[in-house]
Amino acid sequence: MAPEHSRAPEGAELFGPVTIERAHHLTPHDVADLQDFMPQGLPTIDREAMPEALESLMRAERAALVIARDAQDGTLVGAIVADAYGVDGLTGHIRQLVVAESQQGVGVGSQLLDSAITWLMEQGVRVVQLHSAEHRVVARSLYASRGFVLDETDVFRLQVKAPFRSK
């Protein structure tokens, strides 16, 4: 029989040194961990708004926050955000994949990505998209290893500030 500390919580999968699960509740310590390492993947995240944004994400029907925890002490060591969108609901998007620096290079990102893709497929998604900056060489290699192909489109982004006025 496996030792107690190596059992995955209900609804989670045990992968070696980490458990992977869809988050439905985060402790204040979890939120602090996410605030510390999520900006590595998306530096525009507002630390003050993150707790509310995470709560909203966990309540969303067509979105998932999938987290990785150290299997021994329960510390949050990675996260990925995925959502299914579009008029037909057949398009999925990976919005965020981050892993604590101490856990990079040991497969946590791969496990999170695979779990997010599986969740998206369960939602009926047929196409998964993501954006990755050129300097994220390791992440881009991971995406390519899972079959993602770099699209030649240009992405435009508007940072909306209230009130919005057209010119």
Foldseek 3Di string as FASTA:
>chain_A
DDDPLQDEPPQWDGDVFKIKHWDLDDDPQQLVVCLVWQCVQPVVDDSVCSVVVVNVQSPDPFKTKMWIAGSRPRHTFWIWIKGQDDPVSQEMETEGTTGHPVPPPPCPSVVRVVVRVVVSVVSVHDYYDYDHDPVPVVVVVSCVVVPDDDDPDDDDDDDDDPPDDDD
